PDB file of N, CA and C in Angstrom:
ATOM      1  N   MET A   1      11.106 136.054 200.749  1.00  0.00           N
ATOM      2  CA  MET A   1      10.365 135.243 199.798  1.00  0.00           C
ATOM      3  C   MET A   1      11.349 134.413 198.964  1.00  0.00           C
ATOM      4  N   THR A   2      11.116 133.118 198.886  1.00  0.00           N
ATOM      5  CA  THR A   2      11.981 132.260 198.083  1.00  0.00           C
ATOM      6  C   THR A   2      11.566 132.336 196.627  1.00  0.00           C
ATOM      7  N   LYS A   3      12.550 132.171 195.754  1.00  0.00           N
ATOM      8  CA  LYS A   3      12.281 132.184 194.320  1.00  0.00           C
ATOM      9  C   LYS A   3      12.672 130.835 193.736  1.00  0.00           C
ATOM     10  N   PRO A   4      11.869 130.333 192.804  1.00  0.00           N
ATOM     11  CA  PRO A   4      12.201 129.070 192.162  1.00  0.00           C
ATOM     12  C   PRO A   4      13.515 129.165 191.390  1.00  0.00           C
ATOM     13  N   VAL A   5      14.215 128.033 191.306  1.00  0.00           N
ATOM     14  CA  VAL A   5      15.440 127.933 190.527  1.00  0.00           C
ATOM     15  C   VAL A   5      15.388 126.668 189.690  1.00  0.00           C
ATOM     16  N   THR A   6      16.058 126.717 188.559  1.00  0.00           N
ATOM     17  CA  THR A   6      16.108 125.582 187.654  1.00  0.00           C
ATOM     18  C   THR A   6      17.528 125.077 187.544  1.00  0.00           C
ATOM     19  N   TYR A   7      17.668 123.762 187.514  1.00  0.00           N
ATOM     20  CA  TYR A   7      18.944 123.105 187.216  1.00  0.00           C
ATOM     21  C   TYR A   7      18.750 122.329 185.926  1.00  0.00           C
ATOM     22  N   ILE A   8      19.746 122.384 185.060  1.00  0.00           N
ATOM     23  CA  ILE A   8      19.719 121.643 183.802  1.00  0.00           C
ATOM     24  C   ILE A   8      20.935 120.725 183.793  1.00  0.00           C
ATOM     25  N   ALA A   9      20.680 119.439 183.976  1.00  0.00           N
ATOM     26  CA  ALA A   9      21.763 118.454 184.058  1.00  0.00           C
ATOM     27  C   ALA A   9      21.911 117.739 182.717  1.00  0.00           C
ATOM     28  N   PRO A  10      23.054 117.920 182.050  1.00  0.00           N
ATOM     29  CA  PRO A  10      23.270 117.176 180.806  1.00  0.00           C
ATOM     30  C   PRO A  10      23.494 115.704 181.115  1.00  0.00           C
ATOM     31  N   ILE A  11      22.980 114.854 180.243  1.00  0.00           N
ATOM     32  CA  ILE A  11      23.116 113.405 180.425  1.00  0.00           C
ATOM     33  C   ILE A  11      23.627 112.804 179.128  1.00  0.00           C
ATOM     34  N   LYS A  12      24.710 112.067 179.230  1.00  0.00           N
ATOM     35  CA  LYS A  12      25.205 111.266 178.110  1.00  0.00           C
ATOM     36  C   LYS A  12      25.120 109.822 178.571  1.00  0.00           C
ATOM     37  N   LEU A  13      24.426 108.991 177.797  1.00  0.00           N
ATOM     38  CA  LEU A  13      24.264 107.598 178.205  1.00  0.00           C
ATOM     39  C   LEU A  13      25.591 106.857 178.123  1.00  0.00           C
ATOM     40  N   ALA A  14      25.791 105.969 179.083  1.00  0.00           N
ATOM     41  CA  ALA A  14      26.967 105.099 179.072  1.00  0.00           C
ATOM     42  C   ALA A  14      26.859 104.154 177.878  1.00  0.00           C
ATOM     43  N   SER A  15      27.988 103.659 177.451  1.00  0.00           N
ATOM     44  CA  SER A  15      28.044 102.750 176.309  1.00  0.00           C
ATOM     45  C   SER A  15      27.136 101.543 176.529  1.00  0.00           C
ATOM     46  N   GLY A  16      26.317 101.232 175.528  1.00  0.00           N
ATOM     47  CA  GLY A  16      25.453 100.068 175.599  1.00  0.00           C
ATOM     48  C   GLY A  16      24.099 100.304 176.226  1.00  0.00           C
ATOM     49  N   ILE A  17      23.854 101.487 176.795  1.00  0.00           N
ATOM     50  CA  ILE A  17      22.565 101.782 177.424  1.00  0.00           C
ATOM     51  C   ILE A  17      21.618 102.341 176.366  1.00  0.00           C
ATOM     52  N   THR A  18      20.425 101.770 176.284  1.00  0.00           N
ATOM     53  CA  THR A  18      19.445 102.230 175.308  1.00  0.00           C
ATOM     54  C   THR A  18      18.564 103.324 175.904  1.00  0.00           C
ATOM     55  N   GLU A  19      17.905 104.047 175.028  1.00  0.00           N
ATOM     56  CA  GLU A  19      16.975 105.073 175.492  1.00  0.00           C
ATOM     57  C   GLU A  19      15.853 104.447 176.318  1.00  0.00           C
ATOM     58  N   ALA A  20      15.364 103.298 175.905  1.00  0.00           N
ATOM     59  CA  ALA A  20      14.301 102.622 176.652  1.00  0.00           C
ATOM     60  C   ALA A  20      14.755 102.272 178.067  1.00  0.00           C
ATOM     61  N   GLU A  21      15.971 101.779 178.209  1.00  0.00           N
ATOM     62  CA  GLU A  21      16.502 101.459 179.541  1.00  0.00           C
ATOM     63  C   GLU A  21      16.633 102.727 180.376  1.00  0.00           C
ATOM     64  N   PHE A  22      17.121 103.787 179.738  1.00  0.00           N
ATOM     65  CA  PHE A  22      17.276 105.065 180.422  1.00  0.00           C
ATOM     66  C   PHE A  22      15.921 105.589 180.908  1.00  0.00           C
ATOM     67  N   LEU A  23      14.919 105.567 180.040  1.00  0.00           N
ATOM     68  CA  LEU A  23      13.600 106.084 180.419  1.00  0.00           C
ATOM     69  C   LEU A  23      12.952 105.245 181.515  1.00  0.00           C
ATOM     70  N   GLN A  24      13.168 103.938 181.481  1.00  0.00           N
ATOM     71  CA  GLN A  24      12.642 103.073 182.545  1.00  0.00           C
ATOM     72  C   GLN A  24      13.307 103.434 183.878  1.00  0.00           C
ATOM     73  N   ALA A  25      14.623 103.624 183.867  1.00  0.00           N
ATOM     74  CA  ALA A  25      15.340 103.997 185.086  1.00  0.00           C
ATOM     75  C   ALA A  25      14.947 105.401 185.549  1.00  0.00           C
ATOM     76  N   SER A  26      14.707 106.289 184.586  1.00  0.00           N
ATOM     77  CA  SER A  26      14.277 107.645 184.923  1.00  0.00           C
ATOM     78  C   SER A  26      12.924 107.632 185.620  1.00  0.00           C
ATOM     79  N   GLN A  27      12.023 106.785 185.154  1.00  0.00           N
ATOM     80  CA  GLN A  27      10.709 106.662 185.788  1.00  0.00           C
ATOM     81  C   GLN A  27      10.841 106.143 187.223  1.00  0.00           C
ATOM     82  N   ARG A  28      11.703 105.172 187.422  1.00  0.00           N
ATOM     83  CA  ARG A  28      11.922 104.642 188.780  1.00  0.00           C
ATOM     84  C   ARG A  28      12.533 105.727 189.672  1.00  0.00           C
ATOM     85  N   PHE A  29      13.516 106.450 189.151  1.00  0.00           N
ATOM     86  CA  PHE A  29      14.145 107.565 189.868  1.00  0.00           C
ATOM     87  C   PHE A  29      13.083 108.597 190.263  1.00  0.00           C
ATOM     88  N   GLU A  30      12.176 108.892 189.340  1.00  0.00           N
ATOM     89  CA  GLU A  30      11.096 109.848 189.601  1.00  0.00           C
ATOM     90  C   GLU A  30      10.159 109.340 190.685  1.00  0.00           C
ATOM     91  N   THR A  31       9.704 108.092 190.538  1.00  0.00           N
ATOM     92  CA  THR A  31       8.716 107.521 191.451  1.00  0.00           C
ATOM     93  C   THR A  31       9.265 107.289 192.851  1.00  0.00           C
ATOM     94  N   GLU A  32      10.473 106.749 192.918  1.00  0.00           N
ATOM     95  CA  GLU A  32      11.003 106.333 194.219  1.00  0.00           C
ATOM     96  C   GLU A  32      11.867 107.378 194.913  1.00  0.00           C
ATOM     97  N   PHE A  33      12.272 108.431 194.190  1.00  0.00           N
ATOM     98  CA  PHE A  33      13.098 109.449 194.832  1.00  0.00           C
ATOM     99  C   PHE A  33      12.554 110.863 194.608  1.00  0.00           C
ATOM    100  N   VAL A  34      12.536 111.321 193.378  1.00  0.00           N
ATOM    101  CA  VAL A  34      12.201 112.725 193.086  1.00  0.00           C
ATOM    102  C   VAL A  34      10.825 113.110 193.610  1.00  0.00           C
ATOM    103  N   SER A  35       9.819 112.285 193.352  1.00  0.00           N
ATOM    104  CA  SER A  35       8.452 112.625 193.759  1.00  0.00           C
ATOM    105  C   SER A  35       8.289 112.747 195.273  1.00  0.00           C
ATOM    106  N   LYS A  36       9.244 112.243 196.019  1.00  0.00           N
ATOM    107  CA  LYS A  36       9.188 112.312 197.482  1.00  0.00           C
ATOM    108  C   LYS A  36       9.921 113.529 198.049  1.00  0.00           C
ATOM    109  N   GLN A  37      10.477 114.355 197.163  1.00  0.00           N
ATOM    110  CA  GLN A  37      11.213 115.535 197.603  1.00  0.00           C
ATOM    111  C   GLN A  37      10.288 116.751 197.537  1.00  0.00           C
ATOM    112  N   PRO A  38       9.933 117.339 198.688  1.00  0.00           N
ATOM    113  CA  PRO A  38       8.953 118.426 198.692  1.00  0.00           C
ATOM    114  C   PRO A  38       9.420 119.678 197.942  1.00  0.00           C
ATOM    115  N   GLY A  39      10.711 119.861 197.772  1.00  0.00           N
ATOM    116  CA  GLY A  39      11.210 121.069 197.113  1.00  0.00           C
ATOM    117  C   GLY A  39      11.235 120.998 195.602  1.00  0.00           C
ATOM    118  N   VAL A  40      10.910 119.826 195.030  1.00  0.00           N
ATOM    119  CA  VAL A  40      10.902 119.688 193.573  1.00  0.00           C
ATOM    120  C   VAL A  40       9.517 120.056 193.065  1.00  0.00           C
ATOM    121  N   LEU A  41       9.467 121.074 192.208  1.00  0.00           N
ATOM    122  CA  LEU A  41       8.194 121.512 191.657  1.00  0.00           C
ATOM    123  C   LEU A  41       7.866 120.818 190.333  1.00  0.00           C
ATOM    124  N   ARG A  42       8.924 120.526 189.555  1.00  0.00           N
ATOM    125  CA  ARG A  42       8.705 119.920 188.239  1.00  0.00           C
ATOM    126  C   ARG A  42      10.008 119.324 187.733  1.00  0.00           C
ATOM    127  N   ARG A  43       9.882 118.244 186.985  1.00  0.00           N
ATOM    128  CA  ARG A  43      11.047 117.615 186.357  1.00  0.00           C
ATOM    129  C   ARG A  43      10.669 117.204 184.954  1.00  0.00           C
ATOM    130  N   GLU A  44      11.575 117.441 184.023  1.00  0.00           N
ATOM    131  CA  GLU A  44      11.349 117.079 182.626  1.00  0.00           C
ATOM    132  C   GLU A  44      12.651 116.543 182.042  1.00  0.00           C
ATOM    133  N   VAL A  45      12.547 115.461 181.274  1.00  0.00           N
ATOM    134  CA  VAL A  45      13.706 114.900 180.581  1.00  0.00           C
ATOM    135  C   VAL A  45      13.509 115.170 179.094  1.00  0.00           C
ATOM    136  N   ILE A  46      14.550 115.731 178.463  1.00  0.00           N
ATOM    137  CA  ILE A  46      14.471 116.006 177.031  1.00  0.00           C
ATOM    138  C   ILE A  46      15.608 115.304 176.293  1.00  0.00           C
ATOM    139  N   ARG A  47      15.368 114.996 175.025  1.00  0.00           N
ATOM    140  CA  ARG A  47      16.411 114.415 174.177  1.00  0.00           C
ATOM    141  C   ARG A  47      17.057 115.560 173.403  1.00  0.00           C
ATOM    142  N   LYS A  48      18.385 115.660 173.522  1.00  0.00           N
ATOM    143  CA  LYS A  48      19.132 116.660 172.762  1.00  0.00           C
ATOM    144  C   LYS A  48      19.602 116.074 171.437  1.00  0.00           C
ATOM    145  N   SER A  49      20.071 114.848 171.475  1.00  0.00           N
ATOM    146  CA  SER A  49      20.507 114.115 170.297  1.00  0.00           C
ATOM    147  C   SER A  49      20.617 112.649 170.700  1.00  0.00           C
ATOM    148  N   GLU A  50      20.936 111.789 169.751  1.00  0.00           N
ATOM    149  CA  GLU A  50      21.038 110.357 170.047  1.00  0.00           C
ATOM    150  C   GLU A  50      22.019 110.125 171.203  1.00  0.00           C
ATOM    151  N   GLY A  51      21.516 109.563 172.303  1.00  0.00           N
ATOM    152  CA  GLY A  51      22.359 109.253 173.457  1.00  0.00           C
ATOM    153  C   GLY A  51      22.648 110.429 174.378  1.00  0.00           C
ATOM    154  N   ASN A  52      22.132 111.617 174.044  1.00  0.00           N
ATOM    155  CA  ASN A  52      22.362 112.824 174.850  1.00  0.00           C
ATOM    156  C   ASN A  52      21.030 113.449 175.248  1.00  0.00           C
ATOM    157  N   TYR A  53      20.890 113.696 176.540  1.00  0.00           N
ATOM    158  CA  TYR A  53      19.639 114.171 177.103  1.00  0.00           C
ATOM    159  C   TYR A  53      19.929 115.301 178.086  1.00  0.00           C
ATOM    160  N   ALA A  54      18.872 115.870 178.627  1.00  0.00           N
ATOM    161  CA  ALA A  54      19.005 116.826 179.715  1.00  0.00           C
ATOM    162  C   ALA A  54      17.864 116.569 180.692  1.00  0.00           C
ATOM    163  N   ASP A  55      18.191 116.655 181.964  1.00  0.00           N
ATOM    164  CA  ASP A  55      17.213 116.535 183.040  1.00  0.00           C
ATOM    165  C   ASP A  55      17.012 117.952 183.568  1.00  0.00           C
ATOM    166  N   ILE A  56      15.815 118.494 183.387  1.00  0.00           N
ATOM    167  CA  ILE A  56      15.515 119.866 183.776  1.00  0.00           C
ATOM    168  C   ILE A  56      14.614 119.813 185.000  1.00  0.00           C
ATOM    169  N   VAL A  57      15.096 120.406 186.095  1.00  0.00           N
ATOM    170  CA  VAL A  57      14.358 120.321 187.356  1.00  0.00           C
ATOM    171  C   VAL A  57      14.125 121.726 187.901  1.00  0.00           C
ATOM    172  N   LEU A  58      12.866 122.018 188.203  1.00  0.00           N
ATOM    173  CA  LEU A  58      12.483 123.275 188.830  1.00  0.00           C
ATOM    174  C   LEU A  58      12.305 123.025 190.321  1.00  0.00           C
ATOM    175  N   PHE A  59      13.077 123.748 191.117  1.00  0.00           N
ATOM    176  CA  PHE A  59      13.017 123.628 192.577  1.00  0.00           C
ATOM    177  C   PHE A  59      12.339 124.861 193.166  1.00  0.00           C
ATOM    178  N   ARG A  60      11.769 124.698 194.319  1.00  0.00           N
ATOM    179  CA  ARG A  60      11.116 125.795 195.032  1.00  0.00           C
ATOM    180  C   ARG A  60      12.109 126.888 195.419  1.00  0.00           C
ATOM    181  N   SER A  61      13.362 126.481 195.726  1.00  0.00           N
ATOM    182  CA  SER A  61      14.382 127.448 196.155  1.00  0.00           C
ATOM    183  C   SER A  61      15.768 126.822 195.996  1.00  0.00           C
ATOM    184  N   VAL A  62      16.793 127.642 196.097  1.00  0.00           N
ATOM    185  CA  VAL A  62      18.169 127.136 196.068  1.00  0.00           C
ATOM    186  C   VAL A  62      18.384 126.173 197.227  1.00  0.00           C
ATOM    187  N   GLU A  63      17.849 126.499 198.385  1.00  0.00           N
ATOM    188  CA  GLU A  63      18.009 125.645 199.559  1.00  0.00           C
ATOM    189  C   GLU A  63      17.408 124.259 199.325  1.00  0.00           C
ATOM    190  N   ASP A  64      16.243 124.224 198.691  1.00  0.00           N
ATOM    191  CA  ASP A  64      15.629 122.935 198.370  1.00  0.00           C
ATOM    192  C   ASP A  64      16.486 122.149 197.392  1.00  0.00           C
ATOM    193  N   ALA A  65      17.052 122.825 196.400  1.00  0.00           N
ATOM    194  CA  ALA A  65      17.923 122.160 195.423  1.00  0.00           C
ATOM    195  C   ALA A  65      19.137 121.555 196.110  1.00  0.00           C
ATOM    196  N   VAL A  66      19.766 122.315 196.977  1.00  0.00           N
ATOM    197  CA  VAL A  66      20.948 121.834 197.698  1.00  0.00           C
ATOM    198  C   VAL A  66      20.578 120.627 198.553  1.00  0.00           C
ATOM    199  N   ASP A  67      19.429 120.682 199.208  1.00  0.00           N
ATOM    200  CA  ASP A  67      18.973 119.569 200.049  1.00  0.00           C
ATOM    201  C   ASP A  67      18.793 118.301 199.214  1.00  0.00           C
ATOM    202  N   VAL A  68      18.152 118.417 198.059  1.00  0.00           N
ATOM    203  CA  VAL A  68      17.913 117.246 197.208  1.00  0.00           C
ATOM    204  C   VAL A  68      19.234 116.706 196.670  1.00  0.00           C
ATOM    205  N   ILE A  69      20.122 117.580 196.242  1.00  0.00           N
ATOM    206  CA  ILE A  69      21.419 117.146 195.717  1.00  0.00           C
ATOM    207  C   ILE A  69      22.210 116.392 196.787  1.00  0.00           C
ATOM    208  N   GLU A  70      22.146 116.852 198.027  1.00  0.00           N
ATOM    209  CA  GLU A  70      22.817 116.138 199.120  1.00  0.00           C
ATOM    210  C   GLU A  70      22.188 114.763 199.354  1.00  0.00           C
ATOM    211  N   LYS A  71      20.869 114.678 199.309  1.00  0.00           N
ATOM    212  CA  LYS A  71      20.183 113.400 199.497  1.00  0.00           C
ATOM    213  C   LYS A  71      20.523 112.421 198.377  1.00  0.00           C
ATOM    214  N   GLU A  72      20.737 112.933 197.160  1.00  0.00           N
ATOM    215  CA  GLU A  72      21.083 112.064 196.036  1.00  0.00           C
ATOM    216  C   GLU A  72      22.368 111.281 196.312  1.00  0.00           C
ATOM    217  N   GLN A  73      23.303 111.905 197.007  1.00  0.00           N
ATOM    218  CA  GLN A  73      24.600 111.281 197.265  1.00  0.00           C
ATOM    219  C   GLN A  73      24.484 110.005 198.093  1.00  0.00           C
ATOM    220  N   ALA A  74      23.457 109.911 198.922  1.00  0.00           N
ATOM    221  CA  ALA A  74      23.298 108.752 199.807  1.00  0.00           C
ATOM    222  C   ALA A  74      22.243 107.762 199.312  1.00  0.00           C
ATOM    223  N   SER A  75      21.610 108.059 198.187  1.00  0.00           N
ATOM    224  CA  SER A  75      20.495 107.242 197.710  1.00  0.00           C
ATOM    225  C   SER A  75      20.958 106.162 196.738  1.00  0.00           C
ATOM    226  N   GLU A  76      20.601 104.912 197.032  1.00  0.00           N
ATOM    227  CA  GLU A  76      20.921 103.802 196.134  1.00  0.00           C
ATOM    228  C   GLU A  76      20.158 103.928 194.813  1.00  0.00           C
ATOM    229  N   ILE A  77      18.925 104.392 194.867  1.00  0.00           N
ATOM    230  CA  ILE A  77      18.139 104.583 193.651  1.00  0.00           C
ATOM    231  C   ILE A  77      18.829 105.594 192.735  1.00  0.00           C
ATOM    232  N   CYS A  78      19.329 106.670 193.308  1.00  0.00           N
ATOM    233  CA  CYS A  78      20.037 107.683 192.529  1.00  0.00           C
ATOM    234  C   CYS A  78      21.321 107.106 191.943  1.00  0.00           C
ATOM    235  N   LYS A  79      22.052 106.353 192.738  1.00  0.00           N
ATOM    236  CA  LYS A  79      23.298 105.753 192.250  1.00  0.00           C
ATOM    237  C   LYS A  79      23.024 104.828 191.071  1.00  0.00           C
ATOM    238  N   GLU A  80      21.943 104.051 191.145  1.00  0.00           N
ATOM    239  CA  GLU A  80      21.575 103.161 190.042  1.00  0.00           C
ATOM    240  C   GLU A  80      21.247 103.963 188.782  1.00  0.00           C
ATOM    241  N   PHE A  81      20.489 105.048 188.944  1.00  0.00           N
ATOM    242  CA  PHE A  81      20.127 105.895 187.808  1.00  0.00           C
ATOM    243  C   PHE A  81      21.380 106.524 187.190  1.00  0.00           C
ATOM    244  N   PHE A  82      22.241 107.066 188.029  1.00  0.00           N
ATOM    245  CA  PHE A  82      23.451 107.733 187.530  1.00  0.00           C
ATOM    246  C   PHE A  82      24.425 106.739 186.891  1.00  0.00           C
ATOM    247  N   SER A  83      24.338 105.468 187.263  1.00  0.00           N
ATOM    248  CA  SER A  83      25.258 104.470 186.699  1.00  0.00           C
ATOM    249  C   SER A  83      25.000 104.232 185.205  1.00  0.00           C
ATOM    250  N   LEU A  84      23.851 104.677 184.716  1.00  0.00           N
ATOM    251  CA  LEU A  84      23.540 104.543 183.295  1.00  0.00           C
ATOM    252  C   LEU A  84      24.179 105.652 182.451  1.00  0.00           C
ATOM    253  N   MET A  85      24.844 106.578 183.127  1.00  0.00           N
ATOM    254  CA  MET A  85      25.377 107.757 182.452  1.00  0.00           C
ATOM    255  C   MET A  85      26.896 107.707 182.353  1.00  0.00           C
ATOM    256  N   ASP A  86      27.396 108.287 181.281  1.00  0.00           N
ATOM    257  CA  ASP A  86      28.832 108.444 181.083  1.00  0.00           C
ATOM    258  C   ASP A  86      29.244 109.729 181.784  1.00  0.00           C
ATOM    259  N   MET A  87      29.919 109.598 182.915  1.00  0.00           N
ATOM    260  CA  MET A  87      30.296 110.756 183.725  1.00  0.00           C
ATOM    261  C   MET A  87      31.725 111.228 183.435  1.00  0.00           C
ATOM    262  N   ALA A  88      32.359 110.677 182.410  1.00  0.00           N
ATOM    263  CA  ALA A  88      33.761 110.982 182.121  1.00  0.00           C
ATOM    264  C   ALA A  88      34.001 112.471 181.883  1.00  0.00           C
ATOM    265  N   ASP A  89      33.048 113.165 181.282  1.00  0.00           N
ATOM    266  CA  ASP A  89      33.234 114.578 180.969  1.00  0.00           C
ATOM    267  C   ASP A  89      32.787 115.512 182.091  1.00  0.00           C
ATOM    268  N   MET A  90      32.237 114.949 183.162  1.00  0.00           N
ATOM    269  CA  MET A  90      31.764 115.782 184.264  1.00  0.00           C
ATOM    270  C   MET A  90      32.932 116.306 185.091  1.00  0.00           C
ATOM    271  N   THR A  91      32.995 117.616 185.201  1.00  0.00           N
ATOM    272  CA  THR A  91      34.005 118.269 186.025  1.00  0.00           C
ATOM    273  C   THR A  91      33.281 119.210 186.975  1.00  0.00           C
ATOM    274  N   GLU A  92      34.008 119.767 187.921  1.00  0.00           N
ATOM    275  CA  GLU A  92      33.390 120.728 188.830  1.00  0.00           C
ATOM    276  C   GLU A  92      32.889 121.935 188.047  1.00  0.00           C
ATOM    277  N   GLU A  93      33.651 122.339 187.034  1.00  0.00           N
ATOM    278  CA  GLU A  93      33.239 123.479 186.212  1.00  0.00           C
ATOM    279  C   GLU A  93      31.951 123.184 185.468  1.00  0.00           C
ATOM    280  N   SER A  94      31.843 121.991 184.870  1.00  0.00           N
ATOM    281  CA  SER A  94      30.631 121.666 184.134  1.00  0.00           C
ATOM    282  C   SER A  94      29.437 121.523 185.068  1.00  0.00           C
ATOM    283  N   SER A  95      29.667 121.105 186.311  1.00  0.00           N
ATOM    284  CA  SER A  95      28.548 120.983 187.244  1.00  0.00           C
ATOM    285  C   SER A  95      28.008 122.350 187.648  1.00  0.00           C
ATOM    286  N   THR A  96      28.840 123.391 187.660  1.00  0.00           N
ATOM    287  CA  THR A  96      28.338 124.729 187.981  1.00  0.00           C
ATOM    288  C   THR A  96      27.538 125.306 186.821  1.00  0.00           C
ATOM    289  N   GLU A  97      27.752 124.792 185.613  1.00  0.00           N
ATOM    290  CA  GLU A  97      26.976 125.234 184.453  1.00  0.00           C
ATOM    291  C   GLU A  97      25.560 124.680 184.483  1.00  0.00           C
ATOM    292  N   MET A  98      25.281 123.758 185.392  1.00  0.00           N
ATOM    293  CA  MET A  98      23.953 123.148 185.495  1.00  0.00           C
ATOM    294  C   MET A  98      22.970 124.052 186.224  1.00  0.00           C
ATOM    295  N   GLY A  99      23.452 124.996 187.000  1.00  0.00           N
ATOM    296  CA  GLY A  99      22.564 125.875 187.743  1.00  0.00           C
ATOM    297  C   GLY A  99      23.150 126.189 189.097  1.00  0.00           C
ATOM    298  N   PRO A 100      22.450 126.927 189.887  1.00  0.00           N
ATOM    299  CA  PRO A 100      21.041 127.283 189.760  1.00  0.00           C
ATOM    300  C   PRO A 100      20.825 128.475 188.828  1.00  0.00           C
ATOM    301  N   PHE A 101      19.719 128.401 188.092  1.00  0.00           N
ATOM    302  CA  PHE A 101      19.276 129.496 187.248  1.00  0.00           C
ATOM    303  C   PHE A 101      17.996 130.041 187.879  1.00  0.00           C
ATOM    304  N   PRO A 102      18.043 131.269 188.419  1.00  0.00           N
ATOM    305  CA  PRO A 102      16.862 131.809 189.095  1.00  0.00           C
ATOM    306  C   PRO A 102      15.734 132.126 188.108  1.00  0.00           C
ATOM    307  N   SER A 103      14.528 131.831 188.536  1.00  0.00           N
ATOM    308  CA  SER A 103      13.349 132.161 187.723  1.00  0.00           C
ATOM    309  C   SER A 103      13.091 133.662 187.816  1.00  0.00           C
ATOM    310  N   LEU A 104      12.879 134.265 186.682  1.00  0.00           N
ATOM    311  CA  LEU A 104      12.504 135.675 186.629  1.00  0.00           C
ATOM    312  C   LEU A 104      10.987 135.814 186.584  1.00  0.00           C
ATOM    313  N   ALA A 105      10.354 134.865 185.917  1.00  0.00           N
ATOM    314  CA  ALA A 105       8.898 134.807 185.841  1.00  0.00           C
ATOM    315  C   ALA A 105       8.504 133.370 185.542  1.00  0.00           C
ATOM    316  N   VAL A 106       7.424 132.916 186.150  1.00  0.00           N
ATOM    317  CA  VAL A 106       6.930 131.569 185.920  1.00  0.00           C
ATOM    318  C   VAL A 106       5.496 131.684 185.408  1.00  0.00           C
ATOM    319  N   TYR A 107       5.237 131.078 184.260  1.00  0.00           N
ATOM    320  CA  TYR A 107       3.921 131.111 183.660  1.00  0.00           C
ATOM    321  C   TYR A 107       3.355 129.695 183.612  1.00  0.00           C
ATOM    322  N   GLU A 108       2.174 129.510 184.048  1.00  0.00           N
ATOM    323  CA  GLU A 108       1.530 128.181 184.044  1.00  0.00           C
ATOM    324  C   GLU A 108       0.438 128.153 183.000  1.00  0.00           C
TER     325      GLU A 108
END
């Protein structure tokens, strides 16, 4: 039996990018990429502070998460969305802090 997992991706906007621009790009990313991935159960974007956000994604399984992450690497829509972000602080260590976090219980 597969168990859902959550990834929490921190987002820092690149210099000059507004929240409105970010949210518009996030909607396009959702419509043209995320919504077409069968392993994505839910996605939520939250504001942590001015210019800092988190993308919280619930996947059906670790395998589904890995599949989507691999597809992101080849997607022009994903590249456009990620170009709005300041990736200077992203390291391999910080990327492992994003997940996967296994669900212990899911309440709807």
